[in-house]
Amino acid sequence: MKGFSLWQFFAEGGWGMWSTLLFGFIAVGAAAWFARRPEPRRLAFTGAMWLTLLTVTAHATWTNVAAVCSYLEDPQRVPDAEITRTFIIGLKEASRPGALGGIFLTLVPILLGVGALRGRASD
């Protein structure tokens, strides 16, 4: 594997990376807010942002898969001999929003768990 470049990773993911990043930061921020001060009223917003992040991540990934398929449907763009390799490269790039979103989607429940433990300890 060559060196990892965050900027290349982000560029390969396309425009959907921006919404994934935005709602990822919002969801993690809301979960961190809950972890710091565990009040039940904060859970609704955090849950809504987590669900929005999940939706944005899925949408960006499927939009990228559709773009790859649209590109491959024209035989003048990709010769038949190269279609498999081009498809694999396209799927790699299409998965970038899912990889980025997955990081945030994992961090939010961890922070909520911390908040739940803190809230229980203060009871």
N, C-alpha and C. Protein backbone atom coordinates (compact mmCIF):
# COMPACT_ATOMS: atom_id res chain seq x y z
N MET A 1 0.84 -1.18 0.00
CA MET A 1 0.00 0.00 0.00
C MET A 1 0.88 1.24 0.00
N LYS A 2 0.56 2.17 -0.86
CA LYS A 2 1.29 3.43 -0.89
C LYS A 2 0.95 4.25 0.34
N GLY A 3 1.61 5.38 0.50
CA GLY A 3 1.32 6.26 1.63
C GLY A 3 -0.11 6.76 1.61
N PHE A 4 -0.63 7.04 2.77
CA PHE A 4 -2.00 7.52 2.89
C PHE A 4 -2.03 9.04 2.82
N SER A 5 -2.91 9.57 2.02
CA SER A 5 -3.10 11.01 1.92
C SER A 5 -4.56 11.33 2.24
N LEU A 6 -4.77 12.06 3.32
CA LEU A 6 -6.13 12.43 3.71
C LEU A 6 -6.82 13.24 2.62
N TRP A 7 -6.06 14.12 1.97
CA TRP A 7 -6.66 14.97 0.93
C TRP A 7 -7.07 14.15 -0.29
N GLN A 8 -6.26 13.17 -0.64
CA GLN A 8 -6.63 12.30 -1.76
C GLN A 8 -7.86 11.47 -1.39
N PHE A 9 -7.86 10.94 -0.18
CA PHE A 9 -9.00 10.18 0.33
C PHE A 9 -10.28 11.02 0.24
N PHE A 10 -10.19 12.26 0.68
CA PHE A 10 -11.34 13.16 0.67
C PHE A 10 -11.77 13.47 -0.77
N ALA A 11 -10.83 13.74 -1.64
CA ALA A 11 -11.15 14.05 -3.04
C ALA A 11 -11.77 12.85 -3.75
N GLU A 12 -11.28 11.65 -3.47
CA GLU A 12 -11.84 10.46 -4.10
C GLU A 12 -13.29 10.24 -3.72
N GLY A 13 -13.67 10.69 -2.53
CA GLY A 13 -15.05 10.50 -2.05
C GLY A 13 -16.06 11.42 -2.70
N GLY A 14 -15.60 12.47 -3.35
CA GLY A 14 -16.52 13.38 -4.04
C GLY A 14 -17.22 14.36 -3.10
N TRP A 15 -18.23 15.02 -3.66
CA TRP A 15 -18.93 16.08 -2.95
C TRP A 15 -19.63 15.60 -1.68
N GLY A 16 -20.05 14.36 -1.65
CA GLY A 16 -20.73 13.83 -0.48
C GLY A 16 -19.87 13.80 0.77
N MET A 17 -18.57 13.91 0.60
CA MET A 17 -17.67 13.94 1.75
C MET A 17 -17.90 15.18 2.60
N TRP A 18 -18.28 16.29 1.97
CA TRP A 18 -18.50 17.54 2.71
C TRP A 18 -19.68 17.41 3.67
N SER A 19 -20.79 16.87 3.20
CA SER A 19 -21.96 16.71 4.09
C SER A 19 -21.68 15.66 5.15
N THR A 20 -20.94 14.62 4.79
CA THR A 20 -20.58 13.59 5.77
C THR A 20 -19.70 14.20 6.86
N LEU A 21 -18.74 15.01 6.46
CA LEU A 21 -17.85 15.66 7.42
C LEU A 21 -18.63 16.64 8.31
N LEU A 22 -19.48 17.45 7.70
CA LEU A 22 -20.26 18.44 8.45
C LEU A 22 -21.15 17.77 9.50
N PHE A 23 -21.98 16.82 9.07
CA PHE A 23 -22.89 16.18 10.02
C PHE A 23 -22.14 15.25 10.97
N GLY A 24 -20.98 14.76 10.56
CA GLY A 24 -20.15 13.98 11.47
C GLY A 24 -19.66 14.83 12.63
N PHE A 25 -19.16 16.02 12.32
CA PHE A 25 -18.71 16.92 13.38
C PHE A 25 -19.87 17.35 14.28
N ILE A 26 -21.02 17.63 13.68
CA ILE A 26 -22.18 18.04 14.47
C ILE A 26 -22.60 16.91 15.41
N ALA A 27 -22.70 15.69 14.88
CA ALA A 27 -23.13 14.55 15.69
C ALA A 27 -22.14 14.25 16.81
N VAL A 28 -20.86 14.27 16.50
CA VAL A 28 -19.85 14.01 17.53
C VAL A 28 -19.84 15.15 18.56
N GLY A 29 -20.01 16.37 18.10
CA GLY A 29 -20.09 17.50 19.03
C GLY A 29 -21.28 17.38 19.97
N ALA A 30 -22.42 16.99 19.42
CA ALA A 30 -23.62 16.81 20.26
C ALA A 30 -23.42 15.68 21.26
N ALA A 31 -22.79 14.60 20.82
CA ALA A 31 -22.54 13.48 21.73
C ALA A 31 -21.53 13.87 22.81
N ALA A 32 -20.52 14.65 22.43
CA ALA A 32 -19.54 15.11 23.42
C ALA A 32 -20.21 16.04 24.43
N TRP A 33 -21.13 16.85 23.95
CA TRP A 33 -21.91 17.75 24.82
C TRP A 33 -22.70 16.92 25.84
N PHE A 34 -23.31 15.84 25.37
CA PHE A 34 -24.04 14.95 26.26
C PHE A 34 -23.09 14.25 27.23
N ALA A 35 -21.93 13.82 26.76
CA ALA A 35 -20.97 13.15 27.63
C ALA A 35 -20.48 14.08 28.74
N ARG A 36 -20.35 15.34 28.40
CA ARG A 36 -19.90 16.34 29.39
C ARG A 36 -20.97 16.64 30.40
N ARG A 37 -22.19 16.83 29.94
CA ARG A 37 -23.33 17.13 30.81
C ARG A 37 -24.49 16.24 30.41
N PRO A 38 -24.59 15.07 31.00
CA PRO A 38 -25.60 14.09 30.59
C PRO A 38 -27.02 14.46 31.03
N GLU A 39 -27.69 15.22 30.19
CA GLU A 39 -29.08 15.57 30.42
C GLU A 39 -29.91 14.88 29.33
N PRO A 40 -30.97 14.18 29.72
CA PRO A 40 -31.77 13.41 28.75
C PRO A 40 -32.30 14.24 27.57
N ARG A 41 -32.55 15.52 27.78
CA ARG A 41 -33.09 16.35 26.68
C ARG A 41 -32.11 16.49 25.53
N ARG A 42 -30.83 16.27 25.77
CA ARG A 42 -29.81 16.37 24.72
C ARG A 42 -29.77 15.13 23.83
N LEU A 43 -30.34 14.06 24.29
CA LEU A 43 -30.30 12.81 23.52
C LEU A 43 -31.09 12.90 22.22
N ALA A 44 -32.21 13.61 22.23
CA ALA A 44 -33.04 13.70 21.02
C ALA A 44 -32.27 14.37 19.89
N PHE A 45 -31.60 15.47 20.18
CA PHE A 45 -30.82 16.16 19.14
C PHE A 45 -29.67 15.28 18.66
N THR A 46 -28.97 14.66 19.60
CA THR A 46 -27.84 13.80 19.23
C THR A 46 -28.32 12.63 18.38
N GLY A 47 -29.43 12.03 18.77
CA GLY A 47 -29.98 10.92 17.99
C GLY A 47 -30.39 11.36 16.59
N ALA A 48 -30.99 12.54 16.49
CA ALA A 48 -31.40 13.05 15.18
C ALA A 48 -30.19 13.32 14.30
N MET A 49 -29.13 13.84 14.87
CA MET A 49 -27.91 14.12 14.10
C MET A 49 -27.21 12.82 13.70
N TRP A 50 -27.25 11.81 14.58
CA TRP A 50 -26.66 10.51 14.24
C TRP A 50 -27.42 9.89 13.07
N LEU A 51 -28.74 9.97 13.11
CA LEU A 51 -29.56 9.43 12.02
C LEU A 51 -29.36 10.21 10.73
N THR A 52 -29.22 11.52 10.83
CA THR A 52 -28.93 12.35 9.66
C THR A 52 -27.58 11.96 9.07
N LEU A 53 -26.60 11.77 9.92
CA LEU A 53 -25.27 11.34 9.46
C LEU A 53 -25.34 9.99 8.76
N LEU A 54 -26.08 9.07 9.32
CA LEU A 54 -26.25 7.76 8.69
C LEU A 54 -26.87 7.90 7.30
N THR A 55 -27.88 8.73 7.19
CA THR A 55 -28.57 8.95 5.92
C THR A 55 -27.65 9.63 4.90
N VAL A 56 -26.93 10.65 5.33
CA VAL A 56 -26.02 11.37 4.44
C VAL A 56 -24.90 10.45 3.96
N THR A 57 -24.39 9.62 4.86
CA THR A 57 -23.32 8.68 4.50
C THR A 57 -23.80 7.68 3.46
N ALA A 58 -24.97 7.11 3.71
CA ALA A 58 -25.53 6.14 2.75
C ALA A 58 -25.82 6.81 1.41
N HIS A 59 -26.38 8.00 1.44
CA HIS A 59 -26.71 8.72 0.21
C HIS A 59 -25.45 9.04 -0.60
N ALA A 60 -24.42 9.53 0.07
CA ALA A 60 -23.18 9.88 -0.63
C ALA A 60 -22.53 8.63 -1.24
N THR A 61 -22.55 7.53 -0.50
CA THR A 61 -21.96 6.30 -1.00
C THR A 61 -22.73 5.80 -2.22
N TRP A 62 -24.04 5.74 -2.13
CA TRP A 62 -24.84 5.23 -3.26
C TRP A 62 -24.79 6.17 -4.46
N THR A 63 -24.70 7.47 -4.22
CA THR A 63 -24.54 8.41 -5.33
C THR A 63 -23.22 8.15 -6.05
N ASN A 64 -22.17 7.86 -5.28
CA ASN A 64 -20.88 7.54 -5.89
C ASN A 64 -20.93 6.24 -6.68
N VAL A 65 -21.58 5.23 -6.13
CA VAL A 65 -21.72 3.95 -6.85
C VAL A 65 -22.48 4.18 -8.17
N ALA A 66 -23.53 4.99 -8.12
CA ALA A 66 -24.29 5.29 -9.33
C ALA A 66 -23.42 6.02 -10.36
N ALA A 67 -22.56 6.92 -9.89
CA ALA A 67 -21.66 7.64 -10.80
C ALA A 67 -20.68 6.69 -11.47
N VAL A 68 -20.17 5.73 -10.70
CA VAL A 68 -19.25 4.73 -11.27
C VAL A 68 -19.96 3.92 -12.34
N CYS A 69 -21.17 3.45 -12.03
CA CYS A 69 -21.93 2.66 -13.00
C CYS A 69 -22.28 3.47 -14.23
N SER A 70 -22.62 4.73 -14.04
CA SER A 70 -22.93 5.60 -15.18
C SER A 70 -21.71 5.78 -16.07
N TYR A 71 -20.56 5.92 -15.46
CA TYR A 71 -19.31 6.08 -16.21
C TYR A 71 -19.01 4.81 -17.01
N LEU A 72 -19.24 3.66 -16.41
CA LEU A 72 -18.89 2.39 -17.05
C LEU A 72 -19.86 1.96 -18.15
N GLU A 73 -21.05 2.55 -18.17
CA GLU A 73 -22.03 2.09 -19.16
C GLU A 73 -21.68 2.51 -20.59
N ASP A 74 -20.80 3.47 -20.74
CA ASP A 74 -20.41 3.92 -22.07
C ASP A 74 -19.15 3.17 -22.52
N PRO A 75 -19.26 2.29 -23.52
CA PRO A 75 -18.11 1.49 -23.93
C PRO A 75 -16.97 2.31 -24.54
N GLN A 76 -17.25 3.55 -24.93
CA GLN A 76 -16.17 4.38 -25.48
C GLN A 76 -15.28 4.96 -24.38
N ARG A 77 -15.80 5.05 -23.16
CA ARG A 77 -14.99 5.56 -22.05
C ARG A 77 -14.03 4.49 -21.53
N VAL A 78 -14.57 3.27 -21.37
CA VAL A 78 -13.76 2.19 -20.78
C VAL A 78 -13.86 0.98 -21.69
N PRO A 79 -12.74 0.57 -22.27
CA PRO A 79 -12.76 -0.64 -23.10
C PRO A 79 -13.12 -1.87 -22.24
N ASP A 80 -13.72 -2.86 -22.87
CA ASP A 80 -14.14 -4.06 -22.15
C ASP A 80 -12.99 -4.72 -21.40
N ALA A 81 -11.81 -4.66 -21.93
CA ALA A 81 -10.65 -5.29 -21.29
C ALA A 81 -10.27 -4.62 -19.96
N GLU A 82 -10.69 -3.38 -19.77
CA GLU A 82 -10.33 -2.63 -18.55
C GLU A 82 -11.50 -2.42 -17.61
N ILE A 83 -12.66 -2.96 -17.94
CA ILE A 83 -13.85 -2.65 -17.16
C ILE A 83 -13.78 -3.16 -15.72
N THR A 84 -13.22 -4.33 -15.51
CA THR A 84 -13.16 -4.88 -14.15
C THR A 84 -12.28 -4.03 -13.25
N ARG A 85 -11.08 -3.72 -13.72
CA ARG A 85 -10.16 -2.91 -12.91
C ARG A 85 -10.76 -1.52 -12.67
N THR A 86 -11.35 -0.92 -13.67
CA THR A 86 -11.96 0.40 -13.51
C THR A 86 -13.12 0.34 -12.52
N PHE A 87 -13.89 -0.72 -12.57
CA PHE A 87 -15.01 -0.89 -11.63
C PHE A 87 -14.49 -1.00 -10.19
N ILE A 88 -13.45 -1.78 -9.98
CA ILE A 88 -12.87 -1.94 -8.64
C ILE A 88 -12.32 -0.62 -8.12
N ILE A 89 -11.62 0.10 -8.96
CA ILE A 89 -11.09 1.41 -8.56
C ILE A 89 -12.25 2.35 -8.23
N GLY A 90 -13.30 2.32 -9.04
CA GLY A 90 -14.48 3.16 -8.79
C GLY A 90 -15.17 2.81 -7.48
N LEU A 91 -15.28 1.52 -7.18
CA LEU A 91 -15.89 1.12 -5.92
C LEU A 91 -15.04 1.55 -4.73
N LYS A 92 -13.73 1.49 -4.88
CA LYS A 92 -12.84 1.96 -3.81
C LYS A 92 -13.13 3.42 -3.52
N GLU A 93 -13.20 4.22 -4.56
CA GLU A 93 -13.45 5.64 -4.37
C GLU A 93 -14.88 5.90 -3.88
N ALA A 94 -15.82 5.11 -4.35
CA ALA A 94 -17.22 5.28 -3.94
C ALA A 94 -17.43 4.98 -2.47
N SER A 95 -16.56 4.14 -1.90
CA SER A 95 -16.72 3.75 -0.50
C SER A 95 -16.17 4.79 0.48
N ARG A 96 -15.51 5.80 0.00
CA ARG A 96 -14.88 6.79 0.88
C ARG A 96 -15.86 7.46 1.85
N PRO A 97 -17.05 7.91 1.40
CA PRO A 97 -17.98 8.50 2.38
C PRO A 97 -18.41 7.50 3.46
N GLY A 98 -18.54 6.24 3.10
CA GLY A 98 -18.89 5.23 4.09
C GLY A 98 -17.79 5.05 5.12
N ALA A 99 -16.54 5.11 4.68
CA ALA A 99 -15.41 4.98 5.61
C ALA A 99 -15.34 6.18 6.55
N LEU A 100 -15.51 7.38 6.00
CA LEU A 100 -15.48 8.58 6.83
C LEU A 100 -16.67 8.61 7.78
N GLY A 101 -17.85 8.35 7.25
CA GLY A 101 -19.05 8.34 8.08
C GLY A 101 -18.99 7.29 9.16
N GLY A 102 -18.40 6.14 8.85
CA GLY A 102 -18.30 5.06 9.83
C GLY A 102 -17.51 5.46 11.06
N ILE A 103 -16.49 6.28 10.87
CA ILE A 103 -15.71 6.76 12.02
C ILE A 103 -16.61 7.55 12.96
N PHE A 104 -17.36 8.50 12.39
CA PHE A 104 -18.25 9.32 13.21
C PHE A 104 -19.39 8.50 13.80
N LEU A 105 -19.95 7.59 12.99
CA LEU A 105 -21.06 6.77 13.46
C LEU A 105 -20.63 5.87 14.62
N THR A 106 -19.36 5.57 14.73
CA THR A 106 -18.84 4.78 15.84
C THR A 106 -18.55 5.66 17.06
N LEU A 107 -18.01 6.85 16.84
CA LEU A 107 -17.67 7.73 17.95
C LEU A 107 -18.89 8.21 18.73
N VAL A 108 -19.99 8.47 18.03
CA VAL A 108 -21.18 9.00 18.71
C VAL A 108 -21.70 8.05 19.78
N PRO A 109 -21.96 6.77 19.49
CA PRO A 109 -22.43 5.89 20.57
C PRO A 109 -21.42 5.70 21.70
N ILE A 110 -20.13 5.76 21.39
CA ILE A 110 -19.13 5.67 22.45
C ILE A 110 -19.28 6.85 23.40
N LEU A 111 -19.40 8.04 22.85
CA LEU A 111 -19.57 9.23 23.69
C LEU A 111 -20.90 9.19 24.45
N LEU A 112 -21.94 8.69 23.82
CA LEU A 112 -23.22 8.55 24.51
C LEU A 112 -23.10 7.57 25.68
N GLY A 113 -22.33 6.52 25.49
CA GLY A 113 -22.09 5.57 26.57
C GLY A 113 -21.36 6.21 27.74
N VAL A 114 -20.39 7.04 27.43
CA VAL A 114 -19.67 7.77 28.47
C VAL A 114 -20.64 8.68 29.23
N GLY A 115 -21.49 9.38 28.49
CA GLY A 115 -22.47 10.24 29.13
C GLY A 115 -23.44 9.46 29.99
N ALA A 116 -23.86 8.31 29.50
CA ALA A 116 -24.78 7.48 30.28
C ALA A 116 -24.13 7.02 31.58
N LEU A 117 -22.86 6.63 31.51
CA LEU A 117 -22.13 6.23 32.73
C LEU A 117 -21.99 7.40 33.69
N ARG A 118 -21.67 8.56 33.17
CA ARG A 118 -21.51 9.75 34.02
C ARG A 118 -22.83 10.13 34.65
N GLY A 119 -23.91 10.06 33.86
CA GLY A 119 -25.23 10.40 34.40
C GLY A 119 -25.66 9.44 35.49
N ARG A 120 -25.34 8.20 35.30
CA ARG A 120 -25.70 7.16 36.30
C ARG A 120 -24.88 7.35 37.56
N ALA A 121 -23.62 7.73 37.41
CA ALA A 121 -22.74 7.92 38.56
C ALA A 121 -23.17 9.11 39.41
N SER A 122 -23.77 10.11 38.76
CA SER A 122 -24.17 11.31 39.52
C SER A 122 -25.53 11.12 40.19
N ASP A 123 -26.25 10.04 39.89
CA ASP A 123 -27.55 9.80 40.54
C ASP A 123 -27.40 9.39 41.97
